[in-house]
């Protein structure tokens, strides 16, 4: 039976939160503070100086991270030579956020531009190999308007069917 005085989802958590594995997680904490104004909420160091767990707040969301632990199967994107995952960050000013992240050491992989779906959007790779898309919403569009804009922006590309 669940304890009724404890919330199943604590106030500081959302239903979905990224948990990143980083080679050099302590350095990653400092990068995320500089790049995305992260606030460190918790840190649990293990033996040998490895970071077992850290909790950071970026905007209204939690980001968790840990050091690589190969014996546990916890490997970061640098070791894996890439990542199929992109962490998306919605911000008030995408241009300022991307500039701040680049100054902290991120690499732009897709320059910021206005997109057909109504966002100003760009993509970064952080120094630990994680991919971040960053966006500011500029205008609300209907699904039909987005599809028409996509066909104009990407002529000859088939539209996926539901």
N, C-alpha and C. Protein backbone atom coordinates (compact mmCIF):
# COMPACT_ATOMS: atom_id res chain seq x y z
N UNK A 1 0.85 -1.18 0.00
CA UNK A 1 0.00 0.00 0.00
C UNK A 1 0.89 1.24 0.00
N UNK A 2 0.54 2.19 -0.84
CA UNK A 2 1.32 3.42 -0.96
C UNK A 2 1.09 4.31 0.26
N UNK A 3 2.14 5.02 0.63
CA UNK A 3 2.05 6.00 1.71
C UNK A 3 1.28 7.21 1.18
N UNK A 4 0.15 7.51 1.75
CA UNK A 4 -0.70 8.59 1.25
C UNK A 4 -0.16 9.98 1.58
N UNK A 5 0.88 10.07 2.41
CA UNK A 5 1.46 11.38 2.72
C UNK A 5 2.59 11.73 1.76
N UNK A 6 3.00 10.79 0.93
CA UNK A 6 4.08 11.02 -0.02
C UNK A 6 3.49 11.09 -1.42
N UNK A 7 3.84 12.13 -2.17
CA UNK A 7 3.34 12.28 -3.54
C UNK A 7 4.08 11.31 -4.46
N UNK A 8 3.35 10.60 -5.30
CA UNK A 8 3.97 9.68 -6.25
C UNK A 8 4.88 10.43 -7.21
N UNK A 9 4.50 11.63 -7.60
CA UNK A 9 5.34 12.51 -8.42
C UNK A 9 5.63 13.74 -7.57
N UNK A 10 6.86 13.84 -7.04
CA UNK A 10 7.19 14.99 -6.18
C UNK A 10 7.01 16.31 -6.90
N UNK A 11 6.79 17.37 -6.14
CA UNK A 11 6.54 18.69 -6.70
C UNK A 11 7.66 19.17 -7.63
N UNK A 12 8.89 18.77 -7.36
CA UNK A 12 10.02 19.24 -8.17
C UNK A 12 10.22 18.44 -9.46
N UNK A 13 9.37 17.44 -9.70
CA UNK A 13 9.51 16.59 -10.89
C UNK A 13 8.33 16.77 -11.83
N UNK A 14 8.59 16.55 -13.13
CA UNK A 14 7.54 16.41 -14.12
C UNK A 14 7.38 14.92 -14.40
N UNK A 15 6.39 14.55 -15.16
CA UNK A 15 6.17 13.13 -15.46
C UNK A 15 7.31 12.53 -16.27
N UNK A 16 7.97 13.32 -17.07
CA UNK A 16 9.06 12.85 -17.93
C UNK A 16 10.26 13.77 -17.76
N UNK A 17 11.40 13.18 -17.40
CA UNK A 17 12.62 13.97 -17.21
C UNK A 17 13.80 13.22 -17.79
N UNK A 18 14.64 13.89 -18.60
CA UNK A 18 15.83 13.22 -19.13
C UNK A 18 16.79 12.84 -18.02
N UNK A 19 17.44 11.70 -18.19
CA UNK A 19 18.49 11.24 -17.28
C UNK A 19 19.69 10.92 -18.15
N UNK A 20 20.67 11.83 -18.20
CA UNK A 20 21.80 11.73 -19.11
C UNK A 20 22.99 11.05 -18.46
N UNK A 21 23.69 10.25 -19.25
CA UNK A 21 24.95 9.65 -18.85
C UNK A 21 26.05 10.45 -19.53
N UNK A 22 27.01 10.92 -18.74
CA UNK A 22 28.08 11.78 -19.26
C UNK A 22 29.44 11.25 -18.83
N UNK A 23 30.39 11.25 -19.75
CA UNK A 23 31.79 11.05 -19.37
C UNK A 23 32.25 12.39 -18.81
N UNK A 24 32.43 12.46 -17.50
CA UNK A 24 32.79 13.73 -16.86
C UNK A 24 31.57 14.49 -16.39
N UNK A 25 30.70 13.83 -15.64
CA UNK A 25 29.42 14.42 -15.23
C UNK A 25 29.60 15.66 -14.35
N UNK A 26 30.65 15.71 -13.54
CA UNK A 26 30.86 16.91 -12.71
C UNK A 26 31.10 18.12 -13.61
N UNK A 27 31.86 17.93 -14.68
CA UNK A 27 32.07 19.01 -15.65
C UNK A 27 30.78 19.33 -16.38
N UNK A 28 29.96 18.32 -16.64
CA UNK A 28 28.68 18.53 -17.31
C UNK A 28 27.77 19.44 -16.47
N UNK A 29 27.78 19.25 -15.16
CA UNK A 29 26.97 20.11 -14.28
C UNK A 29 27.38 21.57 -14.49
N UNK A 30 28.67 21.83 -14.49
CA UNK A 30 29.14 23.21 -14.65
C UNK A 30 28.78 23.75 -16.03
N UNK A 31 28.88 22.90 -17.06
CA UNK A 31 28.49 23.33 -18.40
C UNK A 31 27.01 23.71 -18.44
N UNK A 32 26.14 22.86 -17.90
CA UNK A 32 24.70 23.13 -17.94
C UNK A 32 24.34 24.38 -17.14
N UNK A 33 25.08 24.65 -16.07
CA UNK A 33 24.87 25.90 -15.33
C UNK A 33 25.19 27.11 -16.22
N UNK A 34 26.32 27.05 -16.93
CA UNK A 34 26.74 28.17 -17.77
C UNK A 34 25.88 28.27 -19.04
N UNK A 35 25.58 27.14 -19.66
CA UNK A 35 24.89 27.14 -20.95
C UNK A 35 23.41 27.42 -20.83
N UNK A 36 22.76 26.82 -19.83
CA UNK A 36 21.30 26.85 -19.74
C UNK A 36 20.78 27.38 -18.40
N UNK A 37 21.65 28.04 -17.63
CA UNK A 37 21.27 28.58 -16.32
C UNK A 37 20.69 27.51 -15.39
N UNK A 38 21.24 26.32 -15.46
CA UNK A 38 20.76 25.22 -14.61
C UNK A 38 21.04 25.54 -13.15
N UNK A 39 20.13 25.08 -12.32
CA UNK A 39 20.27 25.19 -10.87
C UNK A 39 20.51 23.79 -10.33
N UNK A 40 21.60 23.60 -9.60
CA UNK A 40 21.90 22.29 -9.04
C UNK A 40 21.05 22.06 -7.80
N UNK A 41 20.29 20.96 -7.81
CA UNK A 41 19.41 20.63 -6.69
C UNK A 41 19.99 19.54 -5.81
N UNK A 42 20.72 18.61 -6.41
CA UNK A 42 21.28 17.51 -5.62
C UNK A 42 22.50 16.94 -6.33
N UNK A 43 23.37 16.31 -5.52
CA UNK A 43 24.56 15.67 -6.06
C UNK A 43 24.92 14.52 -5.13
N UNK A 44 25.13 13.34 -5.68
CA UNK A 44 25.51 12.17 -4.90
C UNK A 44 26.78 11.58 -5.51
N UNK A 45 27.89 11.82 -4.83
CA UNK A 45 29.18 11.32 -5.31
C UNK A 45 29.39 9.90 -4.81
N UNK A 46 29.97 9.09 -5.67
CA UNK A 46 30.30 7.72 -5.31
C UNK A 46 31.79 7.57 -5.08
N UNK A 47 32.21 6.33 -4.92
CA UNK A 47 33.63 6.06 -4.70
C UNK A 47 34.43 6.39 -5.95
N UNK A 48 35.66 6.81 -5.76
CA UNK A 48 36.54 7.09 -6.88
C UNK A 48 36.21 8.39 -7.61
N UNK A 49 35.42 9.25 -7.00
CA UNK A 49 35.12 10.53 -7.61
C UNK A 49 34.05 10.49 -8.69
N UNK A 50 33.43 9.34 -8.91
CA UNK A 50 32.36 9.24 -9.91
C UNK A 50 31.07 9.83 -9.35
N UNK A 51 30.32 10.47 -10.22
CA UNK A 51 29.03 11.03 -9.85
C UNK A 51 27.97 9.96 -10.05
N UNK A 52 27.34 9.56 -8.95
CA UNK A 52 26.29 8.54 -9.02
C UNK A 52 24.98 9.13 -9.52
N UNK A 53 24.70 10.37 -9.10
CA UNK A 53 23.45 11.00 -9.48
C UNK A 53 23.54 12.50 -9.19
N UNK A 54 22.94 13.29 -10.07
CA UNK A 54 22.77 14.72 -9.82
C UNK A 54 21.42 15.12 -10.38
N UNK A 55 20.82 16.09 -9.72
CA UNK A 55 19.56 16.65 -10.19
C UNK A 55 19.73 18.13 -10.44
N UNK A 56 19.38 18.58 -11.64
CA UNK A 56 19.47 19.99 -12.01
C UNK A 56 18.10 20.45 -12.45
N UNK A 57 17.81 21.71 -12.25
CA UNK A 57 16.58 22.31 -12.76
C UNK A 57 16.97 23.27 -13.87
N UNK A 58 16.36 23.07 -15.04
CA UNK A 58 16.50 23.99 -16.17
C UNK A 58 15.10 24.46 -16.49
N UNK A 59 14.86 25.75 -16.34
CA UNK A 59 13.50 26.26 -16.53
C UNK A 59 12.59 25.63 -15.50
N UNK A 60 11.51 25.00 -15.97
CA UNK A 60 10.58 24.35 -15.04
C UNK A 60 10.73 22.83 -15.02
N UNK A 61 11.87 22.32 -15.52
CA UNK A 61 12.04 20.88 -15.65
C UNK A 61 13.30 20.38 -14.97
N UNK A 62 13.26 19.10 -14.63
CA UNK A 62 14.38 18.42 -13.99
C UNK A 62 15.23 17.72 -15.04
N UNK A 63 16.54 17.85 -14.90
CA UNK A 63 17.51 17.10 -15.69
C UNK A 63 18.34 16.31 -14.70
N UNK A 64 18.39 15.00 -14.90
CA UNK A 64 19.21 14.16 -14.03
C UNK A 64 20.42 13.69 -14.84
N UNK A 65 21.53 13.49 -14.16
CA UNK A 65 22.70 12.97 -14.85
C UNK A 65 23.58 12.18 -13.93
N UNK A 66 24.46 11.40 -14.54
CA UNK A 66 25.40 10.55 -13.83
C UNK A 66 26.62 10.35 -14.70
N UNK A 67 27.72 9.90 -14.06
CA UNK A 67 28.92 9.55 -14.79
C UNK A 67 28.73 8.23 -15.51
N UNK A 68 29.53 8.01 -16.53
CA UNK A 68 29.55 6.70 -17.19
C UNK A 68 29.94 5.65 -16.15
N UNK A 69 29.26 4.53 -16.23
CA UNK A 69 29.55 3.38 -15.37
C UNK A 69 29.46 2.13 -16.27
N UNK A 70 30.54 1.82 -16.99
CA UNK A 70 30.49 0.72 -17.95
C UNK A 70 30.05 -0.62 -17.35
N UNK A 71 30.41 -0.87 -16.10
CA UNK A 71 30.02 -2.14 -15.46
C UNK A 71 28.50 -2.23 -15.31
N UNK A 72 27.81 -1.09 -15.30
CA UNK A 72 26.35 -1.07 -15.19
C UNK A 72 25.68 -0.91 -16.55
N UNK A 73 26.49 -0.80 -17.61
CA UNK A 73 25.93 -0.57 -18.93
C UNK A 73 25.56 0.88 -19.17
N UNK A 74 26.03 1.79 -18.32
CA UNK A 74 25.72 3.21 -18.45
C UNK A 74 26.85 3.88 -19.22
N UNK A 75 26.61 4.14 -20.51
CA UNK A 75 27.60 4.73 -21.39
C UNK A 75 27.04 6.00 -22.01
N UNK A 76 27.89 7.00 -22.15
CA UNK A 76 27.48 8.26 -22.75
C UNK A 76 27.68 8.27 -24.25
N UNK A 77 27.20 9.32 -24.91
CA UNK A 77 27.28 9.38 -26.36
C UNK A 77 28.69 9.46 -26.93
N UNK A 78 29.64 10.00 -26.19
CA UNK A 78 31.03 10.03 -26.69
C UNK A 78 31.56 8.60 -26.82
N UNK A 79 31.31 7.76 -25.81
CA UNK A 79 31.74 6.37 -25.86
C UNK A 79 30.98 5.60 -26.93
N UNK A 80 29.70 5.90 -27.06
CA UNK A 80 28.86 5.20 -28.04
C UNK A 80 29.00 5.77 -29.45
N UNK A 81 29.78 6.84 -29.59
CA UNK A 81 30.00 7.51 -30.87
C UNK A 81 28.71 8.07 -31.45
N UNK A 82 27.93 8.71 -30.57
CA UNK A 82 26.70 9.37 -30.99
C UNK A 82 25.53 8.98 -30.13
N UNK A 83 24.43 9.67 -30.34
CA UNK A 83 23.21 9.41 -29.58
C UNK A 83 22.01 9.58 -30.51
N UNK A 84 21.03 8.67 -30.42
CA UNK A 84 19.81 8.83 -31.21
C UNK A 84 18.79 9.76 -30.53
N UNK A 85 19.15 10.30 -29.38
CA UNK A 85 18.21 11.09 -28.58
C UNK A 85 18.54 12.57 -28.68
N UNK A 86 17.50 13.40 -28.82
CA UNK A 86 17.64 14.84 -28.76
C UNK A 86 16.83 15.35 -27.58
N UNK A 87 17.45 16.15 -26.73
CA UNK A 87 16.75 16.79 -25.62
C UNK A 87 16.25 18.14 -26.14
N UNK A 88 14.95 18.40 -26.00
CA UNK A 88 14.38 19.64 -26.50
C UNK A 88 14.20 20.63 -25.36
N UNK A 89 14.61 21.87 -25.61
CA UNK A 89 14.52 22.94 -24.62
C UNK A 89 13.74 24.09 -25.22
N UNK A 90 12.59 24.41 -24.64
CA UNK A 90 11.76 25.53 -25.08
C UNK A 90 12.13 26.74 -24.23
N UNK A 91 12.46 27.86 -24.86
CA UNK A 91 12.97 29.04 -24.14
C UNK A 91 12.29 30.31 -24.64
N UNK A 92 12.47 31.39 -23.88
CA UNK A 92 11.91 32.69 -24.27
C UNK A 92 12.69 33.32 -25.43
N UNK A 93 14.01 33.08 -25.50
CA UNK A 93 14.85 33.72 -26.52
C UNK A 93 15.87 32.71 -27.02
N UNK A 94 15.54 32.01 -28.10
CA UNK A 94 16.40 30.96 -28.63
C UNK A 94 17.76 31.50 -29.05
N UNK A 95 17.78 32.69 -29.65
CA UNK A 95 19.07 33.23 -30.10
C UNK A 95 20.01 33.48 -28.93
N UNK A 96 19.51 34.06 -27.87
CA UNK A 96 20.33 34.33 -26.68
C UNK A 96 20.77 33.02 -26.02
N UNK A 97 19.87 32.05 -25.93
CA UNK A 97 20.20 30.78 -25.29
C UNK A 97 21.27 30.04 -26.08
N UNK A 98 21.13 29.99 -27.40
CA UNK A 98 22.14 29.31 -28.23
C UNK A 98 23.48 30.04 -28.11
N UNK A 99 23.49 31.35 -28.14
CA UNK A 99 24.74 32.10 -28.00
C UNK A 99 25.39 31.81 -26.65
N UNK A 100 24.58 31.74 -25.59
CA UNK A 100 25.10 31.45 -24.25
C UNK A 100 25.68 30.04 -24.20
N UNK A 101 25.00 29.07 -24.81
CA UNK A 101 25.48 27.69 -24.83
C UNK A 101 26.78 27.57 -25.63
N UNK A 102 26.86 28.27 -26.75
CA UNK A 102 28.09 28.25 -27.55
C UNK A 102 29.24 28.87 -26.76
N UNK A 103 28.99 29.96 -26.06
CA UNK A 103 30.03 30.58 -25.23
C UNK A 103 30.50 29.64 -24.13
N UNK A 104 29.61 28.74 -23.68
CA UNK A 104 29.96 27.78 -22.63
C UNK A 104 30.66 26.54 -23.20
N UNK A 105 30.65 26.38 -24.54
CA UNK A 105 31.37 25.25 -25.14
C UNK A 105 30.55 24.36 -26.04
N UNK A 106 29.29 24.66 -26.29
CA UNK A 106 28.47 23.86 -27.20
C UNK A 106 28.84 24.16 -28.64
N UNK A 107 28.50 23.22 -29.52
CA UNK A 107 28.75 23.37 -30.95
C UNK A 107 27.41 23.42 -31.68
N UNK A 108 27.21 24.41 -32.53
CA UNK A 108 25.98 24.51 -33.31
C UNK A 108 26.03 23.47 -34.42
N UNK A 109 25.01 22.62 -34.49
CA UNK A 109 24.92 21.64 -35.58
C UNK A 109 23.83 22.02 -36.58
N UNK A 110 22.92 22.90 -36.16
CA UNK A 110 21.91 23.47 -37.06
C UNK A 110 21.67 24.90 -36.59
N UNK A 111 22.05 25.88 -37.41
CA UNK A 111 21.88 27.29 -36.98
C UNK A 111 20.42 27.63 -36.71
N UNK A 112 20.22 28.57 -35.82
CA UNK A 112 18.87 29.03 -35.47
C UNK A 112 18.23 29.67 -36.70
N UNK A 113 16.98 29.29 -36.96
CA UNK A 113 16.23 29.85 -38.08
C UNK A 113 14.75 29.73 -37.79
N UNK A 114 13.94 30.54 -38.48
CA UNK A 114 12.48 30.42 -38.37
C UNK A 114 12.05 29.18 -39.13
N UNK A 115 11.21 28.36 -38.49
CA UNK A 115 10.78 27.09 -39.07
C UNK A 115 9.31 27.12 -39.49
N UNK A 116 8.98 26.24 -40.41
CA UNK A 116 7.64 26.22 -40.98
C UNK A 116 6.56 25.88 -39.96
N UNK A 117 6.90 25.26 -38.84
CA UNK A 117 5.90 24.88 -37.84
C UNK A 117 5.62 25.98 -36.83
N UNK A 118 6.31 27.13 -36.97
CA UNK A 118 6.00 28.28 -36.13
C UNK A 118 7.00 28.57 -35.03
N UNK A 119 8.10 27.84 -35.00
CA UNK A 119 9.14 28.08 -34.00
C UNK A 119 10.38 28.67 -34.65
N UNK A 120 11.14 29.41 -33.87
CA UNK A 120 12.52 29.76 -34.21
C UNK A 120 13.33 28.69 -33.50
N UNK A 121 14.21 27.97 -34.22
CA UNK A 121 14.72 26.69 -33.77
C UNK A 121 16.16 26.49 -34.21
N UNK A 122 16.97 25.88 -33.35
CA UNK A 122 18.33 25.49 -33.69
C UNK A 122 18.73 24.25 -32.92
N UNK A 123 19.86 23.66 -33.30
CA UNK A 123 20.32 22.42 -32.66
C UNK A 123 21.79 22.58 -32.27
N UNK A 124 22.12 22.08 -31.08
CA UNK A 124 23.46 22.13 -30.50
C UNK A 124 23.92 20.73 -30.13
N UNK A 125 25.23 20.55 -30.08
CA UNK A 125 25.82 19.38 -29.44
C UNK A 125 26.62 19.89 -28.26
N UNK A 126 26.34 19.35 -27.07
CA UNK A 126 27.09 19.80 -25.90
C UNK A 126 28.46 19.10 -25.86
N UNK A 127 29.38 19.54 -25.01
CA UNK A 127 30.72 18.95 -24.98
C UNK A 127 30.75 17.48 -24.57
N UNK A 128 29.62 16.95 -24.13
CA UNK A 128 29.55 15.56 -23.66
C UNK A 128 28.87 14.66 -24.69
N UNK A 129 28.53 15.25 -25.86
CA UNK A 129 27.96 14.48 -26.96
C UNK A 129 26.45 14.46 -27.02
N UNK A 130 25.78 15.11 -26.07
CA UNK A 130 24.32 15.14 -26.08
C UNK A 130 23.83 16.21 -27.05
N UNK A 131 22.75 15.90 -27.76
CA UNK A 131 22.16 16.80 -28.74
C UNK A 131 20.99 17.53 -28.10
N UNK A 132 20.94 18.84 -28.30
CA UNK A 132 19.88 19.69 -27.74
C UNK A 132 19.24 20.47 -28.87
N UNK A 133 17.93 20.37 -29.01
CA UNK A 133 17.21 21.31 -29.88
C UNK A 133 16.68 22.40 -28.96
N UNK A 134 16.74 23.63 -29.45
CA UNK A 134 16.35 24.80 -28.65
C UNK A 134 15.39 25.62 -29.51
N UNK A 135 14.27 26.04 -28.91
CA UNK A 135 13.27 26.75 -29.70
C UNK A 135 12.54 27.81 -28.89
N UNK A 136 12.07 28.81 -29.63
CA UNK A 136 11.13 29.80 -29.13
C UNK A 136 9.93 29.76 -30.05
N UNK A 137 8.75 29.62 -29.48
CA UNK A 137 7.52 29.57 -30.29
C UNK A 137 7.16 30.98 -30.73
N UNK A 138 6.97 31.15 -32.05
CA UNK A 138 6.68 32.47 -32.61
C UNK A 138 5.22 32.66 -32.99
N UNK A 139 4.60 31.59 -33.51
CA UNK A 139 3.22 31.75 -33.97
C UNK A 139 2.49 30.41 -33.90
N UNK A 140 1.22 30.48 -33.60
CA UNK A 140 0.36 29.30 -33.56
C UNK A 140 -0.17 29.03 -34.96
N UNK A 141 -0.07 27.79 -35.39
CA UNK A 141 -0.55 27.38 -36.71
C UNK A 141 -1.42 26.14 -36.56
N UNK A 142 -2.38 26.00 -37.43
CA UNK A 142 -3.21 24.79 -37.45
C UNK A 142 -2.40 23.67 -38.10
N UNK A 143 -2.80 22.41 -37.90
CA UNK A 143 -2.11 21.30 -38.59
C UNK A 143 -2.11 21.49 -40.11
N UNK A 144 -3.19 22.03 -40.65
CA UNK A 144 -3.26 22.25 -42.10
C UNK A 144 -2.26 23.32 -42.55
N UNK A 145 -2.13 24.38 -41.75
CA UNK A 145 -1.17 25.44 -42.08
C UNK A 145 0.26 24.91 -42.00
N UNK A 146 0.54 24.07 -41.02
CA UNK A 146 1.88 23.49 -40.88
C UNK A 146 2.18 22.59 -42.08
N UNK A 147 1.21 21.78 -42.47
CA UNK A 147 1.43 20.89 -43.61
C UNK A 147 1.67 21.69 -44.89
N UNK A 148 0.88 22.73 -45.13
CA UNK A 148 1.07 23.57 -46.32
C UNK A 148 2.44 24.24 -46.28
N UNK A 149 2.83 24.75 -45.13
CA UNK A 149 4.14 25.39 -45.00
C UNK A 149 5.27 24.40 -45.22
N UNK A 150 5.09 23.16 -44.73
CA UNK A 150 6.10 22.12 -44.93
C UNK A 150 6.26 21.81 -46.42
N UNK A 151 5.14 21.72 -47.14
CA UNK A 151 5.20 21.41 -48.57
C UNK A 151 5.91 22.53 -49.34
N UNK A 152 5.76 23.77 -48.89
CA UNK A 152 6.45 24.89 -49.51
C UNK A 152 7.94 24.87 -49.14
N UNK A 153 8.23 24.58 -47.88
CA UNK A 153 9.61 24.58 -47.40
C UNK A 153 10.40 23.38 -47.92
N UNK A 154 9.70 22.26 -48.14
CA UNK A 154 10.36 21.01 -48.54
C UNK A 154 9.67 20.44 -49.77
N UNK A 155 9.73 21.13 -50.91
CA UNK A 155 9.02 20.64 -52.09
C UNK A 155 9.53 19.26 -52.53
N UNK A 156 8.60 18.42 -52.93
CA UNK A 156 8.97 17.09 -53.41
C UNK A 156 9.10 16.06 -52.31
N UNK A 157 9.03 16.48 -51.06
CA UNK A 157 9.12 15.52 -49.95
C UNK A 157 7.72 15.00 -49.65
N UNK A 158 7.54 13.70 -49.61
CA UNK A 158 6.21 13.18 -49.30
C UNK A 158 5.83 13.46 -47.86
N UNK A 159 4.57 13.77 -47.64
CA UNK A 159 4.05 14.00 -46.30
C UNK A 159 3.70 12.65 -45.69
N UNK A 160 4.22 12.32 -44.51
CA UNK A 160 3.86 11.04 -43.89
C UNK A 160 2.36 10.93 -43.68
N UNK A 161 1.84 9.78 -43.97
CA UNK A 161 0.40 9.54 -43.78
C UNK A 161 0.18 8.90 -42.43
N UNK A 162 -0.92 9.29 -41.79
CA UNK A 162 -1.26 8.73 -40.47
C UNK A 162 -1.74 7.32 -40.59
